[in-house]
């Protein structure tokens, strides 16, 4: 089992992947940014051997190539190590690509897709900063400048931390938890996510 140097419980975990090529299943790096009840962020990343070719375009983006991942674990071992932690609280992604990549990689390797509760920080950002629509947008590139975030784009650990920071900044700006920001009037609450000190009702 791959050792994961993290200390739950956490309020939420931001998650990001990088891929070797245009195939969503070709995950070559995963990053987790784990946020506790006091806003502290524990960041962890793992290189993944996708066992397929890297495209020049992707390598130029993230700097990872076949030599970088040589000898690193493949996706089945990585998801087995991180899924139990990820299942304990909401998983924040900036757009839906990371969820699709995990599902695609599970399908490619004949694995069941973990039952995770995904949250989109793009939606959170849109509700916290509606003025960015048509004025830079809500991608991490613009949010980095607009919110004075410090991170290295296209590194899974760094992008996960950035997504976590977006959520924390949105909570600070609105005075509401990310669950409240996303809540829909009349939404049902079949599950409750909790951590050491705070309880959060889920949303749809």
N, C-alpha and C. Protein backbone atom coordinates (compact mmCIF):
# COMPACT_ATOMS: atom_id res chain seq x y z
N UNK A 1 0.84 -1.20 0.00
CA UNK A 1 0.00 0.00 0.00
C UNK A 1 0.87 1.25 0.00
N UNK A 2 0.50 2.23 -0.80
CA UNK A 2 1.24 3.49 -0.88
C UNK A 2 0.98 4.30 0.39
N UNK A 3 2.01 4.74 1.10
CA UNK A 3 1.79 5.55 2.31
C UNK A 3 1.26 6.94 1.95
N UNK A 4 0.24 7.38 2.69
CA UNK A 4 -0.35 8.70 2.47
C UNK A 4 -0.12 9.53 3.73
N UNK A 5 0.78 10.50 3.70
CA UNK A 5 1.14 11.25 4.90
C UNK A 5 0.16 12.37 5.22
N UNK A 6 -1.09 12.02 5.44
CA UNK A 6 -2.12 12.99 5.76
C UNK A 6 -2.80 12.58 7.05
N UNK A 7 -3.40 13.56 7.74
CA UNK A 7 -3.97 13.30 9.05
C UNK A 7 -5.43 13.79 9.10
N UNK A 8 -6.38 12.96 8.62
CA UNK A 8 -7.79 13.35 8.71
C UNK A 8 -8.25 13.37 10.17
N UNK A 9 -9.40 13.96 10.49
CA UNK A 9 -10.44 14.33 9.54
C UNK A 9 -10.21 15.69 8.88
N UNK A 10 -10.83 15.84 7.70
CA UNK A 10 -10.80 17.10 6.98
C UNK A 10 -12.22 17.54 6.66
N UNK A 11 -12.38 18.85 6.44
CA UNK A 11 -13.70 19.38 6.08
C UNK A 11 -14.01 19.12 4.62
N UNK A 12 -13.00 19.29 3.77
CA UNK A 12 -13.13 18.92 2.36
C UNK A 12 -11.74 18.69 1.81
N UNK A 13 -11.68 18.01 0.66
CA UNK A 13 -10.42 17.77 -0.03
C UNK A 13 -10.57 18.27 -1.47
N UNK A 14 -9.65 19.13 -1.89
CA UNK A 14 -9.59 19.52 -3.29
C UNK A 14 -8.69 18.53 -4.02
N UNK A 15 -9.06 18.22 -5.25
CA UNK A 15 -8.39 17.14 -6.00
C UNK A 15 -8.14 17.59 -7.42
N UNK A 16 -6.98 17.19 -7.94
CA UNK A 16 -6.64 17.55 -9.32
C UNK A 16 -5.81 16.44 -9.94
N UNK A 17 -5.92 16.29 -11.24
CA UNK A 17 -5.10 15.33 -11.97
C UNK A 17 -4.43 16.00 -13.15
N UNK A 18 -3.30 15.44 -13.57
CA UNK A 18 -2.69 15.75 -14.86
C UNK A 18 -2.70 14.47 -15.68
N UNK A 19 -2.78 14.63 -17.00
CA UNK A 19 -2.85 13.46 -17.87
C UNK A 19 -1.69 13.45 -18.86
N UNK A 20 -1.36 12.26 -19.33
CA UNK A 20 -0.23 12.09 -20.24
C UNK A 20 -0.55 12.51 -21.66
N UNK A 21 -1.82 12.40 -22.03
CA UNK A 21 -2.21 12.72 -23.40
C UNK A 21 -3.69 13.11 -23.40
N UNK A 22 -4.30 13.11 -24.57
CA UNK A 22 -5.69 13.57 -24.67
C UNK A 22 -6.69 12.58 -24.06
N UNK A 23 -6.27 11.37 -23.76
CA UNK A 23 -7.16 10.39 -23.15
C UNK A 23 -7.37 10.73 -21.66
N UNK A 24 -8.63 10.83 -21.26
CA UNK A 24 -8.92 11.20 -19.88
C UNK A 24 -8.38 10.18 -18.89
N UNK A 25 -8.25 8.92 -19.32
CA UNK A 25 -7.80 7.88 -18.39
C UNK A 25 -6.30 7.89 -18.17
N UNK A 26 -5.55 8.70 -18.92
CA UNK A 26 -4.09 8.64 -18.89
C UNK A 26 -3.52 9.49 -17.75
N UNK A 27 -4.02 9.30 -16.54
CA UNK A 27 -3.59 10.10 -15.39
C UNK A 27 -2.12 9.83 -15.09
N UNK A 28 -1.34 10.91 -15.01
CA UNK A 28 0.09 10.78 -14.70
C UNK A 28 0.48 11.47 -13.39
N UNK A 29 -0.45 12.19 -12.79
CA UNK A 29 -0.21 12.80 -11.48
C UNK A 29 -1.55 13.09 -10.82
N UNK A 30 -1.62 12.87 -9.51
CA UNK A 30 -2.80 13.26 -8.74
C UNK A 30 -2.33 14.17 -7.61
N UNK A 31 -3.18 15.12 -7.25
CA UNK A 31 -2.88 16.03 -6.15
C UNK A 31 -4.06 16.19 -5.24
N UNK A 32 -3.83 16.23 -3.94
CA UNK A 32 -4.87 16.42 -2.95
C UNK A 32 -4.49 17.59 -2.04
N UNK A 33 -5.44 18.48 -1.81
CA UNK A 33 -5.26 19.57 -0.87
C UNK A 33 -6.37 19.43 0.18
N UNK A 34 -5.99 19.03 1.37
CA UNK A 34 -6.94 18.64 2.41
C UNK A 34 -7.10 19.78 3.42
N UNK A 35 -8.33 20.26 3.58
CA UNK A 35 -8.61 21.44 4.39
C UNK A 35 -9.31 21.03 5.68
N UNK A 36 -8.74 21.44 6.81
CA UNK A 36 -9.35 21.09 8.10
C UNK A 36 -10.34 22.17 8.55
N UNK A 37 -10.88 22.02 9.75
CA UNK A 37 -11.90 22.94 10.24
C UNK A 37 -11.37 24.34 10.50
N UNK A 38 -10.06 24.51 10.54
CA UNK A 38 -9.45 25.81 10.83
C UNK A 38 -8.84 26.44 9.59
N UNK A 39 -9.10 25.85 8.42
CA UNK A 39 -8.61 26.42 7.18
C UNK A 39 -7.18 26.08 6.83
N UNK A 40 -6.56 25.19 7.59
CA UNK A 40 -5.21 24.74 7.26
C UNK A 40 -5.27 23.74 6.11
N UNK A 41 -4.30 23.82 5.21
CA UNK A 41 -4.30 22.96 4.02
C UNK A 41 -3.09 22.04 4.04
N UNK A 42 -3.34 20.73 3.98
CA UNK A 42 -2.29 19.73 3.82
C UNK A 42 -2.30 19.28 2.36
N UNK A 43 -1.18 19.45 1.68
CA UNK A 43 -1.11 19.11 0.25
C UNK A 43 -0.24 17.89 0.03
N UNK A 44 -0.70 17.03 -0.88
CA UNK A 44 0.01 15.79 -1.18
C UNK A 44 -0.19 15.47 -2.65
N UNK A 45 0.88 15.04 -3.32
CA UNK A 45 0.75 14.66 -4.73
C UNK A 45 1.53 13.38 -5.00
N UNK A 46 1.10 12.68 -6.02
CA UNK A 46 1.72 11.42 -6.42
C UNK A 46 1.86 11.39 -7.93
N UNK A 47 3.03 10.98 -8.41
CA UNK A 47 3.18 10.68 -9.82
C UNK A 47 2.58 9.31 -10.09
N UNK A 48 2.04 9.14 -11.28
CA UNK A 48 1.37 7.90 -11.67
C UNK A 48 1.91 7.48 -13.04
N UNK A 49 2.26 6.23 -13.18
CA UNK A 49 2.68 5.69 -14.48
C UNK A 49 1.43 5.30 -15.27
N UNK A 50 1.09 6.05 -16.33
CA UNK A 50 -0.14 5.75 -17.09
C UNK A 50 0.02 4.57 -18.04
N UNK A 51 1.24 4.08 -18.20
CA UNK A 51 1.53 2.95 -19.08
C UNK A 51 1.07 3.22 -20.50
N UNK A 52 1.23 4.46 -20.94
CA UNK A 52 0.99 4.79 -22.33
C UNK A 52 1.78 6.05 -22.68
N UNK A 53 1.79 6.39 -23.96
CA UNK A 53 2.66 7.45 -24.46
C UNK A 53 2.22 8.82 -23.96
N UNK A 54 3.21 9.68 -23.77
CA UNK A 54 2.95 11.08 -23.44
C UNK A 54 2.92 11.90 -24.73
N UNK A 55 1.98 12.84 -24.80
CA UNK A 55 1.97 13.76 -25.93
C UNK A 55 2.86 14.95 -25.61
N UNK A 56 3.47 15.50 -26.65
CA UNK A 56 4.34 16.66 -26.47
C UNK A 56 3.57 17.83 -25.88
N UNK A 57 2.32 17.98 -26.27
CA UNK A 57 1.50 19.09 -25.78
C UNK A 57 1.32 18.99 -24.27
N UNK A 58 0.94 17.81 -23.78
CA UNK A 58 0.72 17.64 -22.35
C UNK A 58 2.00 17.81 -21.55
N UNK A 59 3.09 17.23 -22.06
CA UNK A 59 4.37 17.36 -21.36
C UNK A 59 4.80 18.82 -21.28
N UNK A 60 4.54 19.59 -22.33
CA UNK A 60 4.89 21.01 -22.30
C UNK A 60 4.08 21.74 -21.23
N UNK A 61 2.84 21.31 -21.02
CA UNK A 61 1.99 21.95 -20.01
C UNK A 61 2.49 21.68 -18.59
N UNK A 62 2.71 20.39 -18.27
CA UNK A 62 2.99 20.05 -16.87
C UNK A 62 4.43 19.58 -16.60
N UNK A 63 5.21 19.37 -17.65
CA UNK A 63 6.61 19.01 -17.45
C UNK A 63 6.84 17.55 -17.09
N UNK A 64 5.81 16.72 -17.18
CA UNK A 64 5.93 15.30 -16.85
C UNK A 64 6.06 14.50 -18.14
N UNK A 65 7.00 13.57 -18.17
CA UNK A 65 7.16 12.70 -19.34
C UNK A 65 7.38 11.26 -18.88
N UNK A 66 7.64 10.39 -19.83
CA UNK A 66 7.78 8.96 -19.51
C UNK A 66 8.92 8.71 -18.53
N UNK A 67 10.00 9.45 -18.66
CA UNK A 67 11.13 9.27 -17.73
C UNK A 67 10.75 9.69 -16.32
N UNK A 68 9.91 10.72 -16.20
CA UNK A 68 9.51 11.23 -14.89
C UNK A 68 8.74 10.18 -14.09
N UNK A 69 7.88 9.41 -14.78
CA UNK A 69 7.01 8.46 -14.08
C UNK A 69 7.56 7.04 -14.07
N UNK A 70 8.74 6.84 -14.64
CA UNK A 70 9.30 5.49 -14.67
C UNK A 70 9.48 4.97 -13.24
N UNK A 71 8.92 3.80 -12.96
CA UNK A 71 9.03 3.21 -11.63
C UNK A 71 7.97 3.67 -10.65
N UNK A 72 7.11 4.59 -11.06
CA UNK A 72 6.04 5.07 -10.19
C UNK A 72 4.84 4.10 -10.24
N UNK A 73 3.98 4.13 -9.21
CA UNK A 73 2.82 3.21 -9.20
C UNK A 73 1.84 3.54 -10.31
N UNK A 74 1.09 2.54 -10.73
CA UNK A 74 0.04 2.76 -11.71
C UNK A 74 -1.28 3.09 -11.01
N UNK A 75 -2.25 3.49 -11.79
CA UNK A 75 -3.50 4.03 -11.25
C UNK A 75 -4.20 3.10 -10.26
N UNK A 76 -4.32 1.79 -10.52
CA UNK A 76 -5.03 0.94 -9.56
C UNK A 76 -4.47 1.02 -8.14
N UNK A 77 -3.14 1.06 -8.02
CA UNK A 77 -2.54 1.16 -6.68
C UNK A 77 -2.78 2.53 -6.07
N UNK A 78 -2.75 3.56 -6.91
CA UNK A 78 -2.94 4.92 -6.41
C UNK A 78 -4.37 5.13 -5.92
N UNK A 79 -5.35 4.72 -6.70
CA UNK A 79 -6.75 4.94 -6.28
C UNK A 79 -7.08 4.08 -5.07
N UNK A 80 -6.49 2.90 -4.96
CA UNK A 80 -6.71 2.07 -3.77
C UNK A 80 -6.19 2.75 -2.52
N UNK A 81 -5.11 3.52 -2.66
CA UNK A 81 -4.51 4.20 -1.51
C UNK A 81 -5.27 5.45 -1.10
N UNK A 82 -5.80 6.21 -2.08
CA UNK A 82 -6.41 7.50 -1.75
C UNK A 82 -7.93 7.47 -1.63
N UNK A 83 -8.59 6.49 -2.24
CA UNK A 83 -10.06 6.47 -2.23
C UNK A 83 -10.65 6.40 -0.82
N UNK A 84 -10.11 5.60 0.11
CA UNK A 84 -10.71 5.57 1.45
C UNK A 84 -10.69 6.94 2.14
N UNK A 85 -9.63 7.70 1.95
CA UNK A 85 -9.58 9.05 2.50
C UNK A 85 -10.56 9.97 1.78
N UNK A 86 -10.60 9.89 0.47
CA UNK A 86 -11.45 10.78 -0.32
C UNK A 86 -12.93 10.55 -0.06
N UNK A 87 -13.29 9.34 0.31
CA UNK A 87 -14.71 9.01 0.52
C UNK A 87 -15.27 9.61 1.80
N UNK A 88 -14.44 10.18 2.65
CA UNK A 88 -14.88 10.64 3.96
C UNK A 88 -15.46 12.05 3.96
N UNK A 89 -15.27 12.82 2.89
CA UNK A 89 -15.75 14.19 2.84
C UNK A 89 -15.91 14.64 1.39
N UNK A 90 -16.55 15.80 1.14
CA UNK A 90 -16.70 16.26 -0.23
C UNK A 90 -15.35 16.45 -0.92
N UNK A 91 -15.33 16.18 -2.23
CA UNK A 91 -14.14 16.33 -3.05
C UNK A 91 -14.35 17.50 -4.01
N UNK A 92 -13.52 18.52 -3.87
CA UNK A 92 -13.63 19.72 -4.69
C UNK A 92 -12.76 19.55 -5.93
N UNK A 93 -13.35 19.85 -7.09
CA UNK A 93 -12.59 19.87 -8.34
C UNK A 93 -12.89 21.19 -9.03
N UNK A 94 -11.94 21.71 -9.78
CA UNK A 94 -12.17 22.96 -10.51
C UNK A 94 -12.55 22.59 -11.93
N UNK A 95 -13.84 22.48 -12.18
CA UNK A 95 -14.49 21.95 -13.39
C UNK A 95 -14.69 20.45 -13.20
N UNK A 96 -15.27 19.81 -14.18
CA UNK A 96 -15.65 18.40 -14.02
C UNK A 96 -14.61 17.42 -14.56
N UNK A 97 -13.48 17.91 -15.06
CA UNK A 97 -12.54 17.02 -15.73
C UNK A 97 -11.97 15.96 -14.80
N UNK A 98 -11.66 16.34 -13.56
CA UNK A 98 -11.00 15.40 -12.65
C UNK A 98 -11.91 14.21 -12.33
N UNK A 99 -13.19 14.47 -12.13
CA UNK A 99 -14.14 13.39 -11.89
C UNK A 99 -14.22 12.47 -13.11
N UNK A 100 -14.26 13.06 -14.30
CA UNK A 100 -14.33 12.27 -15.52
C UNK A 100 -13.06 11.45 -15.72
N UNK A 101 -11.92 12.04 -15.36
CA UNK A 101 -10.65 11.32 -15.51
C UNK A 101 -10.59 10.11 -14.58
N UNK A 102 -11.03 10.29 -13.34
CA UNK A 102 -11.04 9.16 -12.40
C UNK A 102 -11.96 8.06 -12.90
N UNK A 103 -13.16 8.44 -13.36
CA UNK A 103 -14.10 7.44 -13.87
C UNK A 103 -13.54 6.73 -15.10
N UNK A 104 -12.89 7.49 -15.99
CA UNK A 104 -12.31 6.90 -17.19
C UNK A 104 -11.16 5.95 -16.84
N UNK A 105 -10.32 6.34 -15.89
CA UNK A 105 -9.21 5.49 -15.50
C UNK A 105 -9.70 4.22 -14.83
N UNK A 106 -10.74 4.34 -14.02
CA UNK A 106 -11.32 3.13 -13.40
C UNK A 106 -11.86 2.20 -14.47
N UNK A 107 -12.58 2.75 -15.43
CA UNK A 107 -13.11 1.93 -16.51
C UNK A 107 -12.01 1.28 -17.32
N UNK A 108 -10.96 2.03 -17.61
CA UNK A 108 -9.84 1.51 -18.40
C UNK A 108 -9.17 0.32 -17.72
N UNK A 109 -9.09 0.40 -16.37
CA UNK A 109 -8.43 -0.66 -15.61
C UNK A 109 -9.40 -1.70 -15.05
N UNK A 110 -10.68 -1.60 -15.41
CA UNK A 110 -11.66 -2.58 -14.96
C UNK A 110 -11.98 -2.48 -13.48
N UNK A 111 -11.94 -1.27 -12.93
CA UNK A 111 -12.20 -1.05 -11.51
C UNK A 111 -13.55 -0.40 -11.31
N UNK A 112 -14.15 -0.62 -10.15
CA UNK A 112 -15.35 0.11 -9.78
C UNK A 112 -14.99 1.57 -9.51
N UNK A 113 -15.85 2.48 -9.92
CA UNK A 113 -15.62 3.89 -9.66
C UNK A 113 -15.95 4.18 -8.19
N UNK A 114 -15.03 4.78 -7.45
CA UNK A 114 -15.31 5.06 -6.03
C UNK A 114 -16.54 5.96 -5.88
N UNK A 115 -17.31 5.71 -4.83
CA UNK A 115 -18.48 6.53 -4.54
C UNK A 115 -18.02 7.78 -3.80
N UNK A 116 -17.79 8.85 -4.55
CA UNK A 116 -17.30 10.10 -3.99
C UNK A 116 -18.34 11.21 -4.20
N UNK A 117 -18.31 12.19 -3.32
CA UNK A 117 -19.23 13.33 -3.42
C UNK A 117 -18.46 14.51 -3.99
N UNK A 118 -18.66 14.76 -5.29
CA UNK A 118 -17.89 15.77 -6.00
C UNK A 118 -18.55 17.15 -5.90
N UNK A 119 -17.71 18.16 -5.76
CA UNK A 119 -18.13 19.56 -5.68
C UNK A 119 -17.31 20.35 -6.70
N UNK A 120 -17.95 21.26 -7.43
CA UNK A 120 -17.25 22.03 -8.45
C UNK A 120 -16.93 23.43 -7.93
N UNK A 121 -15.63 23.74 -7.78
CA UNK A 121 -15.26 25.06 -7.28
C UNK A 121 -15.48 26.15 -8.33
N UNK A 122 -15.66 25.79 -9.60
CA UNK A 122 -16.02 26.80 -10.60
C UNK A 122 -17.39 27.37 -10.27
N UNK A 123 -18.34 26.50 -9.92
CA UNK A 123 -19.67 26.96 -9.54
C UNK A 123 -19.61 27.83 -8.30
N UNK A 124 -18.80 27.43 -7.33
CA UNK A 124 -18.63 28.23 -6.12
C UNK A 124 -18.08 29.61 -6.48
N UNK A 125 -17.07 29.64 -7.35
CA UNK A 125 -16.47 30.91 -7.75
C UNK A 125 -17.48 31.78 -8.50
N UNK A 126 -18.29 31.18 -9.35
CA UNK A 126 -19.28 31.95 -10.10
C UNK A 126 -20.29 32.61 -9.16
N UNK A 127 -20.65 31.93 -8.09
CA UNK A 127 -21.62 32.50 -7.17
C UNK A 127 -21.00 33.53 -6.24
N UNK A 128 -19.72 33.36 -5.94
CA UNK A 128 -19.04 34.32 -5.07
C UNK A 128 -18.61 35.57 -5.83
N UNK A 129 -18.21 35.40 -7.10
CA UNK A 129 -17.71 36.53 -7.89
C UNK A 129 -18.42 36.58 -9.24
N UNK A 130 -19.71 36.88 -9.26
CA UNK A 130 -20.42 36.93 -10.54
C UNK A 130 -19.87 37.99 -11.48
N UNK A 131 -19.18 38.98 -10.92
CA UNK A 131 -18.63 40.06 -11.74
C UNK A 131 -17.50 39.59 -12.65
N UNK A 132 -16.96 38.40 -12.42
CA UNK A 132 -15.89 37.88 -13.28
C UNK A 132 -16.42 37.30 -14.59
N UNK A 133 -17.72 37.08 -14.68
CA UNK A 133 -18.28 36.55 -15.92
C UNK A 133 -18.09 37.58 -17.03
N UNK A 134 -17.43 37.20 -18.12
CA UNK A 134 -17.15 38.13 -19.19
C UNK A 134 -16.05 39.11 -18.86
N UNK A 135 -15.44 38.93 -17.71
CA UNK A 135 -14.38 39.84 -17.27
C UNK A 135 -13.22 39.03 -16.68
N UNK A 136 -12.72 38.10 -17.48
CA UNK A 136 -11.64 37.25 -17.03
C UNK A 136 -12.07 35.81 -16.77
N UNK A 137 -13.34 35.63 -16.39
CA UNK A 137 -13.87 34.30 -16.18
C UNK A 137 -13.48 33.71 -14.84
N UNK A 138 -13.79 32.41 -14.65
CA UNK A 138 -13.62 31.74 -13.38
C UNK A 138 -12.63 30.57 -13.45
N UNK A 139 -11.77 30.56 -14.47
CA UNK A 139 -10.71 29.57 -14.54
C UNK A 139 -9.62 29.89 -13.53
N UNK A 140 -8.79 28.90 -13.23
CA UNK A 140 -7.74 29.11 -12.24
C UNK A 140 -6.74 30.18 -12.68
N UNK A 141 -6.52 30.30 -13.98
CA UNK A 141 -5.58 31.31 -14.46
C UNK A 141 -6.00 32.71 -14.05
N UNK A 142 -7.28 33.06 -14.28
CA UNK A 142 -7.75 34.40 -13.90
C UNK A 142 -7.91 34.53 -12.40
N UNK A 143 -8.41 33.50 -11.75
CA UNK A 143 -8.59 33.57 -10.30
C UNK A 143 -7.25 33.75 -9.59
N UNK A 144 -6.20 33.18 -10.16
CA UNK A 144 -4.87 33.34 -9.57
C UNK A 144 -4.52 34.82 -9.46
N UNK A 145 -4.80 35.57 -10.52
CA UNK A 145 -4.51 37.01 -10.51
C UNK A 145 -5.51 37.77 -9.67
N UNK A 146 -6.80 37.50 -9.89
CA UNK A 146 -7.85 38.27 -9.22
C UNK A 146 -7.84 38.09 -7.71
N UNK A 147 -7.49 36.90 -7.23
CA UNK A 147 -7.52 36.61 -5.79
C UNK A 147 -6.13 36.60 -5.18
N UNK A 148 -5.11 36.95 -5.97
CA UNK A 148 -3.72 36.98 -5.50
C UNK A 148 -3.28 35.63 -4.94
N UNK A 149 -3.63 34.56 -5.66
CA UNK A 149 -3.23 33.21 -5.25
C UNK A 149 -1.81 32.93 -5.72
N UNK A 150 -1.08 32.17 -4.94
CA UNK A 150 0.28 31.79 -5.29
C UNK A 150 0.33 30.29 -5.54
N UNK A 151 0.49 29.88 -6.79
CA UNK A 151 0.60 28.46 -7.11
C UNK A 151 1.18 28.30 -8.50
N UNK A 152 1.71 27.11 -8.76
CA UNK A 152 2.27 26.77 -10.06
C UNK A 152 1.22 26.01 -10.86
N UNK A 153 0.68 26.66 -11.88
CA UNK A 153 -0.40 26.06 -12.66
C UNK A 153 0.10 24.81 -13.38
N UNK A 154 -0.80 23.81 -13.50
CA UNK A 154 -0.54 22.53 -14.17
C UNK A 154 0.41 21.63 -13.39
N UNK A 155 0.43 21.77 -12.11
CA UNK A 155 0.97 20.77 -11.19
C UNK A 155 -0.20 20.32 -10.35
N UNK A 156 -0.45 19.01 -10.27
CA UNK A 156 -1.68 18.52 -9.64
C UNK A 156 -1.79 18.97 -8.18
N UNK A 157 -0.71 18.88 -7.43
CA UNK A 157 -0.75 19.31 -6.03
C UNK A 157 -1.01 20.79 -5.90
N UNK A 158 -0.35 21.60 -6.75
CA UNK A 158 -0.51 23.05 -6.71
C UNK A 158 -1.92 23.46 -7.16
N UNK A 159 -2.42 22.83 -8.21
CA UNK A 159 -3.77 23.17 -8.68
C UNK A 159 -4.83 22.76 -7.67
N UNK A 160 -4.61 21.63 -6.99
CA UNK A 160 -5.55 21.23 -5.94
C UNK A 160 -5.54 22.26 -4.82
N UNK A 161 -4.36 22.72 -4.42
CA UNK A 161 -4.28 23.75 -3.38
C UNK A 161 -5.00 25.03 -3.84
N UNK A 162 -4.82 25.39 -5.10
CA UNK A 162 -5.48 26.59 -5.62
C UNK A 162 -7.00 26.45 -5.55
N UNK A 163 -7.52 25.28 -5.92
CA UNK A 163 -8.97 25.06 -5.84
C UNK A 163 -9.45 25.17 -4.40
N UNK A 164 -8.66 24.64 -3.47
CA UNK A 164 -9.02 24.76 -2.05
C UNK A 164 -9.02 26.22 -1.62
N UNK A 165 -8.04 26.99 -2.08
CA UNK A 165 -7.97 28.40 -1.73
C UNK A 165 -9.15 29.17 -2.31
N UNK A 166 -9.57 28.81 -3.51
CA UNK A 166 -10.74 29.45 -4.11
C UNK A 166 -11.96 29.26 -3.22
N UNK A 167 -12.15 28.04 -2.72
CA UNK A 167 -13.28 27.76 -1.83
C UNK A 167 -13.17 28.59 -0.56
N UNK A 168 -12.01 28.62 0.04
CA UNK A 168 -11.83 29.38 1.28
C UNK A 168 -12.03 30.87 1.06
N UNK A 169 -11.55 31.39 -0.06
CA UNK A 169 -11.76 32.81 -0.38
C UNK A 169 -13.24 33.11 -0.60
N UNK A 170 -13.94 32.18 -1.26
CA UNK A 170 -15.37 32.37 -1.50
C UNK A 170 -16.14 32.37 -0.18
N UNK A 171 -15.75 31.49 0.73
CA UNK A 171 -16.40 31.46 2.04
C UNK A 171 -16.15 32.76 2.80
N UNK A 172 -14.93 33.26 2.71
CA UNK A 172 -14.61 34.51 3.40
C UNK A 172 -15.38 35.69 2.80
N UNK A 173 -15.48 35.72 1.48
CA UNK A 173 -16.17 36.83 0.82
C UNK A 173 -17.66 36.84 1.12
N UNK A 174 -18.27 35.66 1.10
CA UNK A 174 -19.72 35.58 1.26
C UNK A 174 -20.17 35.43 2.71
N UNK A 175 -19.24 35.02 3.59
CA UNK A 175 -19.64 34.75 4.97
C UNK A 175 -20.46 33.48 5.11
N UNK A 176 -20.37 32.59 4.11
CA UNK A 176 -21.16 31.35 4.12
C UNK A 176 -20.23 30.18 3.82
N UNK A 177 -20.58 29.00 4.31
CA UNK A 177 -19.82 27.80 3.98
C UNK A 177 -20.05 27.46 2.50
N UNK A 178 -19.13 26.69 1.92
CA UNK A 178 -19.30 26.34 0.52
C UNK A 178 -20.59 25.55 0.29
N UNK A 179 -21.02 24.79 1.29
CA UNK A 179 -22.28 24.07 1.18
C UNK A 179 -23.45 25.05 1.07
N UNK A 180 -23.41 26.10 1.87
CA UNK A 180 -24.46 27.11 1.82
C UNK A 180 -24.42 27.89 0.51
N UNK A 181 -23.21 28.14 0.00
CA UNK A 181 -23.09 28.83 -1.28
C UNK A 181 -23.74 28.02 -2.39
N UNK A 182 -23.58 26.71 -2.34
CA UNK A 182 -24.10 25.85 -3.39
C UNK A 182 -25.53 25.40 -3.16
N UNK A 183 -26.04 25.56 -1.95
CA UNK A 183 -27.36 25.00 -1.60
C UNK A 183 -28.45 25.57 -2.50
N UNK A 184 -29.35 24.70 -2.89
CA UNK A 184 -30.53 25.11 -3.65
C UNK A 184 -31.74 25.11 -2.73
N UNK A 185 -32.60 26.08 -2.90
CA UNK A 185 -33.80 26.14 -2.08
C UNK A 185 -34.64 24.89 -2.29
N UNK A 186 -34.97 24.24 -1.19
CA UNK A 186 -35.79 23.04 -1.26
C UNK A 186 -35.03 21.78 -1.55
N UNK A 187 -33.68 21.85 -1.56
CA UNK A 187 -32.89 20.66 -1.85
C UNK A 187 -33.04 19.63 -0.74
N UNK A 188 -33.06 18.38 -1.13
CA UNK A 188 -33.16 17.31 -0.15
C UNK A 188 -31.81 17.07 0.50
N UNK A 189 -31.79 16.47 1.66
CA UNK A 189 -30.54 16.22 2.40
C UNK A 189 -30.44 14.77 2.81
N UNK A 190 -30.08 13.88 1.88
CA UNK A 190 -30.02 12.46 2.21
C UNK A 190 -28.82 12.06 3.03
N UNK A 191 -27.75 12.90 3.03
CA UNK A 191 -26.53 12.54 3.74
C UNK A 191 -26.00 13.75 4.48
N UNK A 192 -25.20 13.50 5.50
CA UNK A 192 -24.53 14.58 6.22
C UNK A 192 -23.05 14.27 6.28
N UNK A 193 -22.22 15.20 5.82
CA UNK A 193 -20.78 15.06 5.92
C UNK A 193 -20.33 15.75 7.19
N UNK A 194 -19.44 15.15 7.92
CA UNK A 194 -18.99 15.77 9.15
C UNK A 194 -17.51 15.55 9.36
N UNK A 195 -16.95 16.39 10.18
CA UNK A 195 -15.56 16.26 10.58
C UNK A 195 -15.50 16.47 12.08
N UNK A 196 -14.33 16.73 12.60
CA UNK A 196 -14.16 16.74 14.04
C UNK A 196 -15.04 17.77 14.73
N UNK A 197 -15.23 18.93 14.11
CA UNK A 197 -15.90 20.00 14.84
C UNK A 197 -17.09 20.59 14.10
N UNK A 198 -17.27 20.28 12.83
CA UNK A 198 -18.27 20.97 12.04
C UNK A 198 -19.12 19.98 11.28
N UNK A 199 -20.41 20.23 11.20
CA UNK A 199 -21.32 19.39 10.43
C UNK A 199 -21.84 20.18 9.25
N UNK A 200 -21.92 19.50 8.08
CA UNK A 200 -22.38 20.13 6.88
C UNK A 200 -23.44 19.28 6.23
N UNK A 201 -24.58 19.89 5.95
CA UNK A 201 -25.59 19.16 5.22
C UNK A 201 -25.21 19.16 3.75
N UNK A 202 -25.51 18.06 3.05
CA UNK A 202 -25.17 17.99 1.63
C UNK A 202 -26.12 18.80 0.77
N UNK A 203 -25.83 18.84 -0.48
CA UNK A 203 -26.61 19.64 -1.42
C UNK A 203 -26.74 18.86 -2.70
N UNK A 204 -27.60 19.34 -3.57
CA UNK A 204 -27.79 18.68 -4.85
C UNK A 204 -27.28 19.59 -5.97
